[in-house]
């Protein structure tokens, strides 16, 4: 898997995909205007960012970032979220991805994280 394949997959689903950098200059894939499909956040719209992978083999980053913040930020609570290096309007969600990465699996992981809140 590559970041390019993930971007192509997301565009194929009809999402607007952009790139961004955090305050340290690390690159991200940003999916604009995702409507959360299920769970307590169902119907809310947010942007989602995933850090681009700089290694081979591809290692999925252990986090997603949302804009705006969707839940109170608390590193000790059950949701484990905090401010993001992408900027003050972004929220960092600490979530591991322990499967073999494919664009479909990575996106399913993102949707699952946001739907299980």
PDB file of N, CA and C in Angstrom:
ATOM      1  N   UNK A   1       0.830  -1.177   0.000  1.00  0.00           N
ATOM      2  CA  UNK A   1       0.000   0.000   0.000  1.00  0.00           C
ATOM      3  C   UNK A   1       0.880   1.247   0.000  1.00  0.00           C
ATOM      4  N   UNK A   2       0.356   2.323  -0.561  1.00  0.00           N
ATOM      5  CA  UNK A   2       1.041   3.618  -0.564  1.00  0.00           C
ATOM      6  C   UNK A   2       0.021   4.715  -0.242  1.00  0.00           C
ATOM      7  N   UNK A   3       0.520   5.879   0.106  1.00  0.00           N
ATOM      8  CA  UNK A   3      -0.360   7.024   0.320  1.00  0.00           C
ATOM      9  C   UNK A   3      -1.127   7.364  -0.951  1.00  0.00           C
ATOM     10  N   UNK A   4      -0.478   7.211  -2.091  1.00  0.00           N
ATOM     11  CA  UNK A   4      -1.130   7.522  -3.357  1.00  0.00           C
ATOM     12  C   UNK A   4      -2.326   6.606  -3.593  1.00  0.00           C
ATOM     13  N   UNK A   5      -2.189   5.308  -3.263  1.00  0.00           N
ATOM     14  CA  UNK A   5      -3.301   4.381  -3.421  1.00  0.00           C
ATOM     15  C   UNK A   5      -4.451   4.753  -2.478  1.00  0.00           C
ATOM     16  N   UNK A   6      -4.121   5.167  -1.261  1.00  0.00           N
ATOM     17  CA  UNK A   6      -5.150   5.593  -0.322  1.00  0.00           C
ATOM     18  C   UNK A   6      -5.878   6.831  -0.852  1.00  0.00           C
ATOM     19  N   UNK A   7      -5.128   7.796  -1.357  1.00  0.00           N
ATOM     20  CA  UNK A   7      -5.740   9.003  -1.907  1.00  0.00           C
ATOM     21  C   UNK A   7      -6.642   8.672  -3.104  1.00  0.00           C
ATOM     22  N   UNK A   8      -6.172   7.803  -3.987  1.00  0.00           N
ATOM     23  CA  UNK A   8      -6.976   7.394  -5.141  1.00  0.00           C
ATOM     24  C   UNK A   8      -8.265   6.714  -4.694  1.00  0.00           C
ATOM     25  N   UNK A   9      -8.157   5.849  -3.699  1.00  0.00           N
ATOM     26  CA  UNK A   9      -9.327   5.144  -3.184  1.00  0.00           C
ATOM     27  C   UNK A   9     -10.348   6.140  -2.624  1.00  0.00           C
ATOM     28  N   UNK A  10      -9.877   7.079  -1.819  1.00  0.00           N
ATOM     29  CA  UNK A  10     -10.772   8.063  -1.208  1.00  0.00           C
ATOM     30  C   UNK A  10     -11.431   8.961  -2.259  1.00  0.00           C
ATOM     31  N   UNK A  11     -10.661   9.359  -3.263  1.00  0.00           N
ATOM     32  CA  UNK A  11     -11.238  10.147  -4.360  1.00  0.00           C
ATOM     33  C   UNK A  11     -12.283   9.327  -5.112  1.00  0.00           C
ATOM     34  N   UNK A  12     -12.010   8.037  -5.286  1.00  0.00           N
ATOM     35  CA  UNK A  12     -12.961   7.144  -5.944  1.00  0.00           C
ATOM     36  C   UNK A  12     -14.264   6.997  -5.178  1.00  0.00           C
ATOM     37  N   UNK A  13     -14.219   7.206  -3.861  1.00  0.00           N
ATOM     38  CA  UNK A  13     -15.432   7.181  -3.043  1.00  0.00           C
ATOM     39  C   UNK A  13     -16.182   8.508  -3.103  1.00  0.00           C
ATOM     40  N   UNK A  14     -15.587   9.489  -3.800  1.00  0.00           N
ATOM     41  CA  UNK A  14     -16.242  10.775  -3.959  1.00  0.00           C
ATOM     42  C   UNK A  14     -15.808  11.845  -2.979  1.00  0.00           C
ATOM     43  N   UNK A  15     -14.800  11.560  -2.166  1.00  0.00           N
ATOM     44  CA  UNK A  15     -14.320  12.551  -1.201  1.00  0.00           C
ATOM     45  C   UNK A  15     -13.366  13.536  -1.858  1.00  0.00           C
ATOM     46  N   UNK A  16     -13.359  14.738  -1.337  1.00  0.00           N
ATOM     47  CA  UNK A  16     -12.376  15.741  -1.709  1.00  0.00           C
ATOM     48  C   UNK A  16     -11.151  15.497  -0.835  1.00  0.00           C
ATOM     49  N   UNK A  17      -9.998  15.278  -1.454  1.00  0.00           N
ATOM     50  CA  UNK A  17      -8.774  14.937  -0.725  1.00  0.00           C
ATOM     51  C   UNK A  17      -7.726  16.004  -0.993  1.00  0.00           C
ATOM     52  N   UNK A  18      -7.112  16.485   0.083  1.00  0.00           N
ATOM     53  CA  UNK A  18      -6.073  17.505  -0.002  1.00  0.00           C
ATOM     54  C   UNK A  18      -4.862  17.041   0.798  1.00  0.00           C
ATOM     55  N   UNK A  19      -3.805  17.818   0.740  1.00  0.00           N
ATOM     56  CA  UNK A  19      -2.650  17.561   1.587  1.00  0.00           C
ATOM     57  C   UNK A  19      -2.460  18.745   2.528  1.00  0.00           C
ATOM     58  N   UNK A  20      -1.819  18.474   3.647  1.00  0.00           N
ATOM     59  CA  UNK A  20      -1.529  19.513   4.635  1.00  0.00           C
ATOM     60  C   UNK A  20      -0.234  19.128   5.337  1.00  0.00           C
ATOM     61  N   UNK A  21       0.287  20.048   6.123  1.00  0.00           N
ATOM     62  CA  UNK A  21       1.471  19.799   6.940  1.00  0.00           C
ATOM     63  C   UNK A  21       1.177  20.234   8.357  1.00  0.00           C
ATOM     64  N   UNK A  22       1.747  19.478   9.321  1.00  0.00           N
ATOM     65  CA  UNK A  22       1.606  19.911  10.704  1.00  0.00           C
ATOM     66  C   UNK A  22       2.659  20.960  11.026  1.00  0.00           C
ATOM     67  N   UNK A  23       2.698  21.403  12.269  1.00  0.00           N
ATOM     68  CA  UNK A  23       3.616  22.483  12.650  1.00  0.00           C
ATOM     69  C   UNK A  23       5.075  22.082  12.527  1.00  0.00           C
ATOM     70  N   UNK A  24       5.360  20.769  12.482  1.00  0.00           N
ATOM     71  CA  UNK A  24       6.730  20.292  12.311  1.00  0.00           C
ATOM     72  C   UNK A  24       7.071  20.014  10.844  1.00  0.00           C
ATOM     73  N   UNK A  25       6.104  20.225   9.947  1.00  0.00           N
ATOM     74  CA  UNK A  25       6.337  20.008   8.525  1.00  0.00           C
ATOM     75  C   UNK A  25       6.009  18.611   8.034  1.00  0.00           C
ATOM     76  N   UNK A  26       5.459  17.748   8.898  1.00  0.00           N
ATOM     77  CA  UNK A  26       5.096  16.390   8.481  1.00  0.00           C
ATOM     78  C   UNK A  26       3.859  16.440   7.584  1.00  0.00           C
ATOM     79  N   UNK A  27       3.848  15.640   6.506  1.00  0.00           N
ATOM     80  CA  UNK A  27       2.738  15.691   5.550  1.00  0.00           C
ATOM     81  C   UNK A  27       1.540  14.823   5.974  1.00  0.00           C
ATOM     82  N   UNK A  28       0.363  15.276   5.591  1.00  0.00           N
ATOM     83  CA  UNK A  28      -0.889  14.587   5.904  1.00  0.00           C
ATOM     84  C   UNK A  28      -1.786  14.523   4.686  1.00  0.00           C
ATOM     85  N   UNK A  29      -2.636  13.494   4.666  1.00  0.00           N
ATOM     86  CA  UNK A  29      -3.750  13.391   3.730  1.00  0.00           C
ATOM     87  C   UNK A  29      -4.975  13.915   4.476  1.00  0.00           C
ATOM     88  N   UNK A  30      -5.703  14.842   3.860  1.00  0.00           N
ATOM     89  CA  UNK A  30      -6.890  15.406   4.499  1.00  0.00           C
ATOM     90  C   UNK A  30      -8.112  15.082   3.647  1.00  0.00           C
ATOM     91  N   UNK A  31      -9.092  14.442   4.269  1.00  0.00           N
ATOM     92  CA  UNK A  31     -10.375  14.159   3.629  1.00  0.00           C
ATOM     93  C   UNK A  31     -11.345  15.235   4.108  1.00  0.00           C
ATOM     94  N   UNK A  32     -11.896  15.968   3.168  1.00  0.00           N
ATOM     95  CA  UNK A  32     -12.777  17.092   3.505  1.00  0.00           C
ATOM     96  C   UNK A  32     -14.234  16.639   3.593  1.00  0.00           C
ATOM     97  N   UNK A  33     -14.921  17.181   4.563  1.00  0.00           N
ATOM     98  CA  UNK A  33     -16.370  17.067   4.711  1.00  0.00           C
ATOM     99  C   UNK A  33     -16.896  15.631   4.791  1.00  0.00           C
ATOM    100  N   UNK A  34     -16.314  14.839   5.681  1.00  0.00           N
ATOM    101  CA  UNK A  34     -16.836  13.499   5.954  1.00  0.00           C
ATOM    102  C   UNK A  34     -18.067  13.638   6.843  1.00  0.00           C
ATOM    103  N   UNK A  35     -19.158  13.006   6.477  1.00  0.00           N
ATOM    104  CA  UNK A  35     -20.329  12.913   7.346  1.00  0.00           C
ATOM    105  C   UNK A  35     -20.237  11.571   8.058  1.00  0.00           C
ATOM    106  N   UNK A  36     -20.181  11.610   9.374  1.00  0.00           N
ATOM    107  CA  UNK A  36     -20.010  10.388  10.175  1.00  0.00           C
ATOM    108  C   UNK A  36     -21.278   9.548  10.036  1.00  0.00           C
ATOM    109  N   UNK A  37     -21.115   8.252   9.660  1.00  0.00           N
ATOM    110  CA  UNK A  37     -22.279   7.448   9.287  1.00  0.00           C
ATOM    111  C   UNK A  37     -23.074   6.829  10.446  1.00  0.00           C
ATOM    112  N   UNK A  38     -22.473   6.655  11.609  1.00  0.00           N
ATOM    113  CA  UNK A  38     -23.168   5.914  12.670  1.00  0.00           C
ATOM    114  C   UNK A  38     -22.654   6.346  14.037  1.00  0.00           C
ATOM    115  N   UNK A  39     -23.322   5.877  15.077  1.00  0.00           N
ATOM    116  CA  UNK A  39     -22.896   6.165  16.436  1.00  0.00           C
ATOM    117  C   UNK A  39     -23.427   7.488  16.933  1.00  0.00           C
ATOM    118  N   UNK A  40     -22.941   7.898  18.096  1.00  0.00           N
ATOM    119  CA  UNK A  40     -23.438   9.127  18.719  1.00  0.00           C
ATOM    120  C   UNK A  40     -23.076  10.387  17.928  1.00  0.00           C
ATOM    121  N   UNK A  41     -22.087  10.288  17.039  1.00  0.00           N
ATOM    122  CA  UNK A  41     -21.699  11.430  16.207  1.00  0.00           C
ATOM    123  C   UNK A  41     -22.327  11.391  14.814  1.00  0.00           C
ATOM    124  N   UNK A  42     -23.223  10.425  14.575  1.00  0.00           N
ATOM    125  CA  UNK A  42     -23.844  10.256  13.251  1.00  0.00           C
ATOM    126  C   UNK A  42     -24.447  11.560  12.758  1.00  0.00           C
ATOM    127  N   UNK A  43     -24.157  11.871  11.499  1.00  0.00           N
ATOM    128  CA  UNK A  43     -24.682  13.075  10.872  1.00  0.00           C
ATOM    129  C   UNK A  43     -23.782  14.290  11.019  1.00  0.00           C
ATOM    130  N   UNK A  44     -22.822  14.239  11.941  1.00  0.00           N
ATOM    131  CA  UNK A  44     -21.885  15.367  12.081  1.00  0.00           C
ATOM    132  C   UNK A  44     -20.890  15.323  10.930  1.00  0.00           C
ATOM    133  N   UNK A  45     -20.440  16.477  10.522  1.00  0.00           N
ATOM    134  CA  UNK A  45     -19.481  16.581   9.421  1.00  0.00           C
ATOM    135  C   UNK A  45     -18.162  17.103   9.957  1.00  0.00           C
ATOM    136  N   UNK A  46     -17.077  16.503   9.483  1.00  0.00           N
ATOM    137  CA  UNK A  46     -15.744  16.941   9.904  1.00  0.00           C
ATOM    138  C   UNK A  46     -14.747  16.651   8.799  1.00  0.00           C
ATOM    139  N   UNK A  47     -13.581  17.245   8.907  1.00  0.00           N
ATOM    140  CA  UNK A  47     -12.441  16.875   8.072  1.00  0.00           C
ATOM    141  C   UNK A  47     -11.646  15.842   8.847  1.00  0.00           C
ATOM    142  N   UNK A  48     -11.017  14.918   8.134  1.00  0.00           N
ATOM    143  CA  UNK A  48     -10.200  13.872   8.751  1.00  0.00           C
ATOM    144  C   UNK A  48      -8.812  13.920   8.126  1.00  0.00           C
ATOM    145  N   UNK A  49      -7.792  13.883   8.970  1.00  0.00           N
ATOM    146  CA  UNK A  49      -6.412  13.874   8.466  1.00  0.00           C
ATOM    147  C   UNK A  49      -5.689  12.624   8.963  1.00  0.00           C
ATOM    148  N   UNK A  50      -4.877  12.065   8.086  1.00  0.00           N
ATOM    149  CA  UNK A  50      -4.021  10.923   8.400  1.00  0.00           C
ATOM    150  C   UNK A  50      -2.597  11.276   8.004  1.00  0.00           C
ATOM    151  N   UNK A  51      -1.665  11.004   8.893  1.00  0.00           N
ATOM    152  CA  UNK A  51      -0.257  11.270   8.570  1.00  0.00           C
ATOM    153  C   UNK A  51       0.165  10.398   7.402  1.00  0.00           C
ATOM    154  N   UNK A  52       0.910  10.986   6.490  1.00  0.00           N
ATOM    155  CA  UNK A  52       1.454  10.201   5.386  1.00  0.00           C
ATOM    156  C   UNK A  52       2.562   9.298   5.924  1.00  0.00           C
ATOM    157  N   UNK A  53       2.691   8.136   5.317  1.00  0.00           N
ATOM    158  CA  UNK A  53       3.700   7.172   5.731  1.00  0.00           C
ATOM    159  C   UNK A  53       5.016   7.464   5.002  1.00  0.00           C
ATOM    160  N   UNK A  54       6.090   7.485   5.754  1.00  0.00           N
ATOM    161  CA  UNK A  54       7.407   7.748   5.159  1.00  0.00           C
ATOM    162  C   UNK A  54       8.291   6.516   5.141  1.00  0.00           C
ATOM    163  N   UNK A  55       7.718   5.351   5.384  1.00  0.00           N
ATOM    164  CA  UNK A  55       8.506   4.121   5.451  1.00  0.00           C
ATOM    165  C   UNK A  55       7.985   3.079   4.476  1.00  0.00           C
ATOM    166  N   UNK A  56       8.829   2.137   4.185  1.00  0.00           N
ATOM    167  CA  UNK A  56       8.451   0.943   3.432  1.00  0.00           C
ATOM    168  C   UNK A  56       8.902  -0.237   4.261  1.00  0.00           C
ATOM    169  N   UNK A  57       8.086  -1.200   4.591  1.00  0.00           N
ATOM    170  CA  UNK A  57       6.702  -1.268   4.150  1.00  0.00           C
ATOM    171  C   UNK A  57       5.841  -0.204   4.825  1.00  0.00           C
ATOM    172  N   UNK A  58       4.661   0.004   4.250  1.00  0.00           N
ATOM    173  CA  UNK A  58       3.733   1.012   4.735  1.00  0.00           C
ATOM    174  C   UNK A  58       3.297   0.689   6.163  1.00  0.00           C
ATOM    175  N   UNK A  59       3.407   1.665   7.040  1.00  0.00           N
ATOM    176  CA  UNK A  59       2.954   1.521   8.424  1.00  0.00           C
ATOM    177  C   UNK A  59       1.869   2.560   8.662  1.00  0.00           C
ATOM    178  N   UNK A  60       0.671   2.101   8.966  1.00  0.00           N
ATOM    179  CA  UNK A  60      -0.441   3.018   9.202  1.00  0.00           C
ATOM    180  C   UNK A  60      -0.189   3.805  10.480  1.00  0.00           C
ATOM    181  N   UNK A  61      -0.345   5.119  10.456  1.00  0.00           N
ATOM    182  CA  UNK A  61      -0.111   5.924  11.654  1.00  0.00           C
ATOM    183  C   UNK A  61      -1.121   5.563  12.749  1.00  0.00           C
ATOM    184  N   UNK A  62      -0.706   5.603  14.015  1.00  0.00           N
ATOM    185  CA  UNK A  62      -1.590   5.200  15.113  1.00  0.00           C
ATOM    186  C   UNK A  62      -2.512   6.321  15.569  1.00  0.00           C
ATOM    187  N   UNK A  63      -3.017   7.086  14.660  1.00  0.00           N
ATOM    188  CA  UNK A  63      -3.863   8.221  15.042  1.00  0.00           C
ATOM    189  C   UNK A  63      -4.653   8.714  13.849  1.00  0.00           C
ATOM    190  N   UNK A  64      -5.777   9.355  14.168  1.00  0.00           N
ATOM    191  CA  UNK A  64      -6.498  10.140  13.183  1.00  0.00           C
ATOM    192  C   UNK A  64      -6.661  11.535  13.777  1.00  0.00           C
ATOM    193  N   UNK A  65      -6.900  12.483  12.930  1.00  0.00           N
ATOM    194  CA  UNK A  65      -7.088  13.870  13.362  1.00  0.00           C
ATOM    195  C   UNK A  65      -8.407  14.346  12.777  1.00  0.00           C
ATOM    196  N   UNK A  66      -9.196  15.069  13.570  1.00  0.00           N
ATOM    197  CA  UNK A  66     -10.463  15.603  13.082  1.00  0.00           C
ATOM    198  C   UNK A  66     -10.524  17.106  13.286  1.00  0.00           C
ATOM    199  N   UNK A  67     -11.236  17.740  12.383  1.00  0.00           N
ATOM    200  CA  UNK A  67     -11.495  19.181  12.498  1.00  0.00           C
ATOM    201  C   UNK A  67     -12.955  19.386  12.162  1.00  0.00           C
ATOM    202  N   UNK A  68     -13.740  19.895  13.072  1.00  0.00           N
ATOM    203  CA  UNK A  68     -13.409  20.414  14.401  1.00  0.00           C
ATOM    204  C   UNK A  68     -13.264  19.279  15.409  1.00  0.00           C
ATOM    205  N   UNK A  69     -12.914  19.665  16.635  1.00  0.00           N
ATOM    206  CA  UNK A  69     -12.908  18.692  17.737  1.00  0.00           C
ATOM    207  C   UNK A  69     -14.333  18.173  17.900  1.00  0.00           C
ATOM    208  N   UNK A  70     -14.469  16.861  18.038  1.00  0.00           N
ATOM    209  CA  UNK A  70     -15.793  16.249  18.108  1.00  0.00           C
ATOM    210  C   UNK A  70     -16.208  15.858  19.518  1.00  0.00           C
ATOM    211  N   UNK A  71     -15.239  15.683  20.397  1.00  0.00           N
ATOM    212  CA  UNK A  71     -15.492  15.315  21.795  1.00  0.00           C
ATOM    213  C   UNK A  71     -14.540  16.130  22.662  1.00  0.00           C
ATOM    214  N   UNK A  72     -14.818  16.230  23.968  1.00  0.00           N
ATOM    215  CA  UNK A  72     -13.873  16.930  24.839  1.00  0.00           C
ATOM    216  C   UNK A  72     -12.496  16.268  24.783  1.00  0.00           C
ATOM    217  N   UNK A  73     -11.452  17.074  24.760  1.00  0.00           N
ATOM    218  CA  UNK A  73     -10.090  16.538  24.719  1.00  0.00           C
ATOM    219  C   UNK A  73      -9.671  16.112  26.117  1.00  0.00           C
ATOM    220  N   UNK A  74      -9.195  14.854  26.214  1.00  0.00           N
ATOM    221  CA  UNK A  74      -8.811  14.296  27.500  1.00  0.00           C
ATOM    222  C   UNK A  74      -7.897  13.101  27.247  1.00  0.00           C
ATOM    223  N   UNK A  75      -6.631  13.222  27.582  1.00  0.00           N
ATOM    224  CA  UNK A  75      -5.690  12.127  27.341  1.00  0.00           C
ATOM    225  C   UNK A  75      -5.841  10.988  28.340  1.00  0.00           C
ATOM    226  N   UNK A  76      -6.505  11.214  29.468  1.00  0.00           N
ATOM    227  CA  UNK A  76      -6.637  10.155  30.462  1.00  0.00           C
ATOM    228  C   UNK A  76      -8.002   9.463  30.377  1.00  0.00           C
ATOM    229  N   UNK A  77      -8.942  10.020  29.640  1.00  0.00           N
ATOM    230  CA  UNK A  77     -10.275   9.438  29.543  1.00  0.00           C
ATOM    231  C   UNK A  77     -10.328   8.298  28.547  1.00  0.00           C
ATOM    232  N   UNK A  78     -11.498   7.706  28.381  1.00  0.00           N
ATOM    233  CA  UNK A  78     -11.625   6.537  27.503  1.00  0.00           C
ATOM    234  C   UNK A  78     -11.426   6.845  26.022  1.00  0.00           C
ATOM    235  N   UNK A  79     -11.650   8.103  25.608  1.00  0.00           N
ATOM    236  CA  UNK A  79     -11.520   8.431  24.184  1.00  0.00           C
ATOM    237  C   UNK A  79     -10.110   8.823  23.774  1.00  0.00           C
ATOM    238  N   UNK A  80      -9.251   9.139  24.726  1.00  0.00           N
ATOM    239  CA  UNK A  80      -7.838   9.453  24.463  1.00  0.00           C
ATOM    240  C   UNK A  80      -7.663  10.406  23.286  1.00  0.00           C
ATOM    241  N   UNK A  81      -8.103  11.647  23.471  1.00  0.00           N
ATOM    242  CA  UNK A  81      -7.915  12.661  22.435  1.00  0.00           C
ATOM    243  C   UNK A  81      -7.179  13.853  23.036  1.00  0.00           C
ATOM    244  N   UNK A  82      -6.557  14.626  22.161  1.00  0.00           N
ATOM    245  CA  UNK A  82      -5.826  15.811  22.607  1.00  0.00           C
ATOM    246  C   UNK A  82      -5.658  16.767  21.437  1.00  0.00           C
ATOM    247  N   UNK A  83      -5.057  17.913  21.699  1.00  0.00           N
ATOM    248  CA  UNK A  83      -4.782  18.876  20.637  1.00  0.00           C
ATOM    249  C   UNK A  83      -3.853  18.241  19.605  1.00  0.00           C
ATOM    250  N   UNK A  84      -4.015  18.635  18.373  1.00  0.00           N
ATOM    251  CA  UNK A  84      -3.239  18.083  17.260  1.00  0.00           C
ATOM    252  C   UNK A  84      -2.163  19.052  16.812  1.00  0.00           C
ATOM    253  N   UNK A  85      -1.077  18.512  16.309  1.00  0.00           N
ATOM    254  CA  UNK A  85      -0.009  19.323  15.735  1.00  0.00           C
ATOM    255  C   UNK A  85      -0.402  19.981  14.415  1.00  0.00           C
ATOM    256  N   UNK A  86      -1.584  19.649  13.896  1.00  0.00           N
ATOM    257  CA  UNK A  86      -2.052  20.279  12.660  1.00  0.00           C
ATOM    258  C   UNK A  86      -2.557  21.693  12.892  1.00  0.00           C
ATOM    259  N   UNK A  87      -2.843  22.038  14.139  1.00  0.00           N
ATOM    260  CA  UNK A  87      -3.314  23.380  14.444  1.00  0.00           C
ATOM    261  C   UNK A  87      -4.366  23.365  15.527  1.00  0.00           C
ATOM    262  N   UNK A  88      -4.732  24.547  16.014  1.00  0.00           N
ATOM    263  CA  UNK A  88      -5.629  24.637  17.162  1.00  0.00           C
ATOM    264  C   UNK A  88      -7.055  24.155  16.895  1.00  0.00           C
ATOM    265  N   UNK A  89      -7.458  24.063  15.632  1.00  0.00           N
ATOM    266  CA  UNK A  89      -8.817  23.613  15.339  1.00  0.00           C
ATOM    267  C   UNK A  89      -8.893  22.113  15.035  1.00  0.00           C
ATOM    268  N   UNK A  90      -7.771  21.400  15.237  1.00  0.00           N
ATOM    269  CA  UNK A  90      -7.714  19.961  14.980  1.00  0.00           C
ATOM    270  C   UNK A  90      -7.637  19.188  16.294  1.00  0.00           C
ATOM    271  N   UNK A  91      -8.198  17.967  16.284  1.00  0.00           N
ATOM    272  CA  UNK A  91      -8.169  17.069  17.434  1.00  0.00           C
ATOM    273  C   UNK A  91      -7.459  15.779  17.039  1.00  0.00           C
ATOM    274  N   UNK A  92      -6.551  15.325  17.898  1.00  0.00           N
ATOM    275  CA  UNK A  92      -5.771  14.102  17.694  1.00  0.00           C
ATOM    276  C   UNK A  92      -6.446  12.969  18.463  1.00  0.00           C
ATOM    277  N   UNK A  93      -6.745  11.885  17.767  1.00  0.00           N
ATOM    278  CA  UNK A  93      -7.333  10.684  18.365  1.00  0.00           C
ATOM    279  C   UNK A  93      -6.275   9.581  18.328  1.00  0.00           C
ATOM    280  N   UNK A  94      -5.842   9.125  19.475  1.00  0.00           N
ATOM    281  CA  UNK A  94      -4.836   8.070  19.542  1.00  0.00           C
ATOM    282  C   UNK A  94      -5.502   6.716  19.322  1.00  0.00           C
ATOM    283  N   UNK A  95      -5.245   6.115  18.153  1.00  0.00           N
ATOM    284  CA  UNK A  95      -5.845   4.828  17.806  1.00  0.00           C
ATOM    285  C   UNK A  95      -4.860   3.994  17.006  1.00  0.00           C
ATOM    286  N   UNK A  96      -4.581   2.792  17.491  1.00  0.00           N
ATOM    287  CA  UNK A  96      -3.682   1.888  16.770  1.00  0.00           C
ATOM    288  C   UNK A  96      -4.414   1.171  15.646  1.00  0.00           C
ATOM    289  N   UNK A  97      -3.653   0.849  14.621  1.00  0.00           N
ATOM    290  CA  UNK A  97      -4.154   0.051  13.505  1.00  0.00           C
ATOM    291  C   UNK A  97      -3.218  -1.145  13.383  1.00  0.00           C
ATOM    292  N   UNK A  98      -3.711  -2.321  13.728  1.00  0.00           N
ATOM    293  CA  UNK A  98      -2.848  -3.504  13.820  1.00  0.00           C
ATOM    294  C   UNK A  98      -3.089  -4.536  12.723  1.00  0.00           C
ATOM    295  N   UNK A  99      -3.618  -4.125  11.606  1.00  0.00           N
ATOM    296  CA  UNK A  99      -3.880  -5.062  10.519  1.00  0.00           C
ATOM    297  C   UNK A  99      -2.967  -4.745   9.343  1.00  0.00           C
ATOM    298  N   UNK A 100      -2.922  -5.650   8.410  1.00  0.00           N
ATOM    299  CA  UNK A 100      -2.190  -5.393   7.176  1.00  0.00           C
ATOM    300  C   UNK A 100      -2.908  -4.259   6.444  1.00  0.00           C
ATOM    301  N   UNK A 101      -2.202  -3.175   6.096  1.00  0.00           N
ATOM    302  CA  UNK A 101      -2.900  -2.016   5.532  1.00  0.00           C
ATOM    303  C   UNK A 101      -3.315  -2.203   4.075  1.00  0.00           C
ATOM    304  N   UNK A 102      -4.503  -1.751   3.796  1.00  0.00           N
ATOM    305  CA  UNK A 102      -5.008  -1.574   2.437  1.00  0.00           C
ATOM    306  C   UNK A 102      -5.868  -0.314   2.510  1.00  0.00           C
ATOM    307  N   UNK A 103      -6.091   0.356   1.401  1.00  0.00           N
ATOM    308  CA  UNK A 103      -6.924   1.552   1.459  1.00  0.00           C
ATOM    309  C   UNK A 103      -8.295   1.280   2.093  1.00  0.00           C
ATOM    310  N   UNK A 104      -8.898   0.150   1.752  1.00  0.00           N
ATOM    311  CA  UNK A 104     -10.208  -0.187   2.288  1.00  0.00           C
ATOM    312  C   UNK A 104     -10.154  -0.391   3.800  1.00  0.00           C
ATOM    313  N   UNK A 105      -9.145  -1.082   4.281  1.00  0.00           N
ATOM    314  CA  UNK A 105      -9.031  -1.349   5.721  1.00  0.00           C
ATOM    315  C   UNK A 105      -8.719  -0.075   6.506  1.00  0.00           C
ATOM    316  N   UNK A 106      -7.856   0.759   5.977  1.00  0.00           N
ATOM    317  CA  UNK A 106      -7.519   2.011   6.670  1.00  0.00           C
ATOM    318  C   UNK A 106      -8.757   2.882   6.778  1.00  0.00           C
ATOM    319  N   UNK A 107      -9.530   3.018   5.700  1.00  0.00           N
ATOM    320  CA  UNK A 107     -10.715   3.861   5.748  1.00  0.00           C
ATOM    321  C   UNK A 107     -11.786   3.244   6.648  1.00  0.00           C
ATOM    322  N   UNK A 108     -11.928   1.921   6.629  1.00  0.00           N
ATOM    323  CA  UNK A 108     -12.874   1.261   7.538  1.00  0.00           C
ATOM    324  C   UNK A 108     -12.482   1.526   8.992  1.00  0.00           C
ATOM    325  N   UNK A 109     -11.183   1.543   9.275  1.00  0.00           N
ATOM    326  CA  UNK A 109     -10.697   1.840  10.622  1.00  0.00           C
ATOM    327  C   UNK A 109     -11.120   3.256  11.046  1.00  0.00           C
ATOM    328  N   UNK A 110     -10.924   4.225  10.173  1.00  0.00           N
ATOM    329  CA  UNK A 110     -11.307   5.606  10.475  1.00  0.00           C
ATOM    330  C   UNK A 110     -12.810   5.691  10.777  1.00  0.00           C
ATOM    331  N   UNK A 111     -13.615   5.096   9.913  1.00  0.00           N
ATOM    332  CA  UNK A 111     -15.071   5.141  10.097  1.00  0.00           C
ATOM    333  C   UNK A 111     -15.488   4.423  11.377  1.00  0.00           C
ATOM    334  N   UNK A 112     -14.817   3.337  11.704  1.00  0.00           N
ATOM    335  CA  UNK A 112     -15.116   2.610  12.928  1.00  0.00           C
ATOM    336  C   UNK A 112     -14.797   3.438  14.156  1.00  0.00           C
ATOM    337  N   UNK A 113     -13.623   4.071  14.171  1.00  0.00           N
ATOM    338  CA  UNK A 113     -13.237   4.923  15.308  1.00  0.00           C
ATOM    339  C   UNK A 113     -14.289   5.998  15.542  1.00  0.00           C
ATOM    340  N   UNK A 114     -14.709   6.668  14.488  1.00  0.00           N
ATOM    341  CA  UNK A 114     -15.657   7.768  14.647  1.00  0.00           C
ATOM    342  C   UNK A 114     -17.071   7.284  14.921  1.00  0.00           C
ATOM    343  N   UNK A 115     -17.404   6.081  14.515  1.00  0.00           N
ATOM    344  CA  UNK A 115     -18.755   5.545  14.733  1.00  0.00           C
ATOM    345  C   UNK A 115     -18.925   4.888  16.099  1.00  0.00           C
ATOM    346  N   UNK A 116     -17.825   4.549  16.744  1.00  0.00           N
ATOM    347  CA  UNK A 116     -17.926   3.869  18.038  1.00  0.00           C
ATOM    348  C   UNK A 116     -17.891   4.820  19.222  1.00  0.00           C
ATOM    349  N   UNK A 117     -17.971   6.105  18.968  1.00  0.00           N
ATOM    350  CA  UNK A 117     -17.952   7.085  20.058  1.00  0.00           C
ATOM    351  C   UNK A 117     -19.309   7.102  20.730  1.00  0.00           C
TER     352      UNK A 117
END
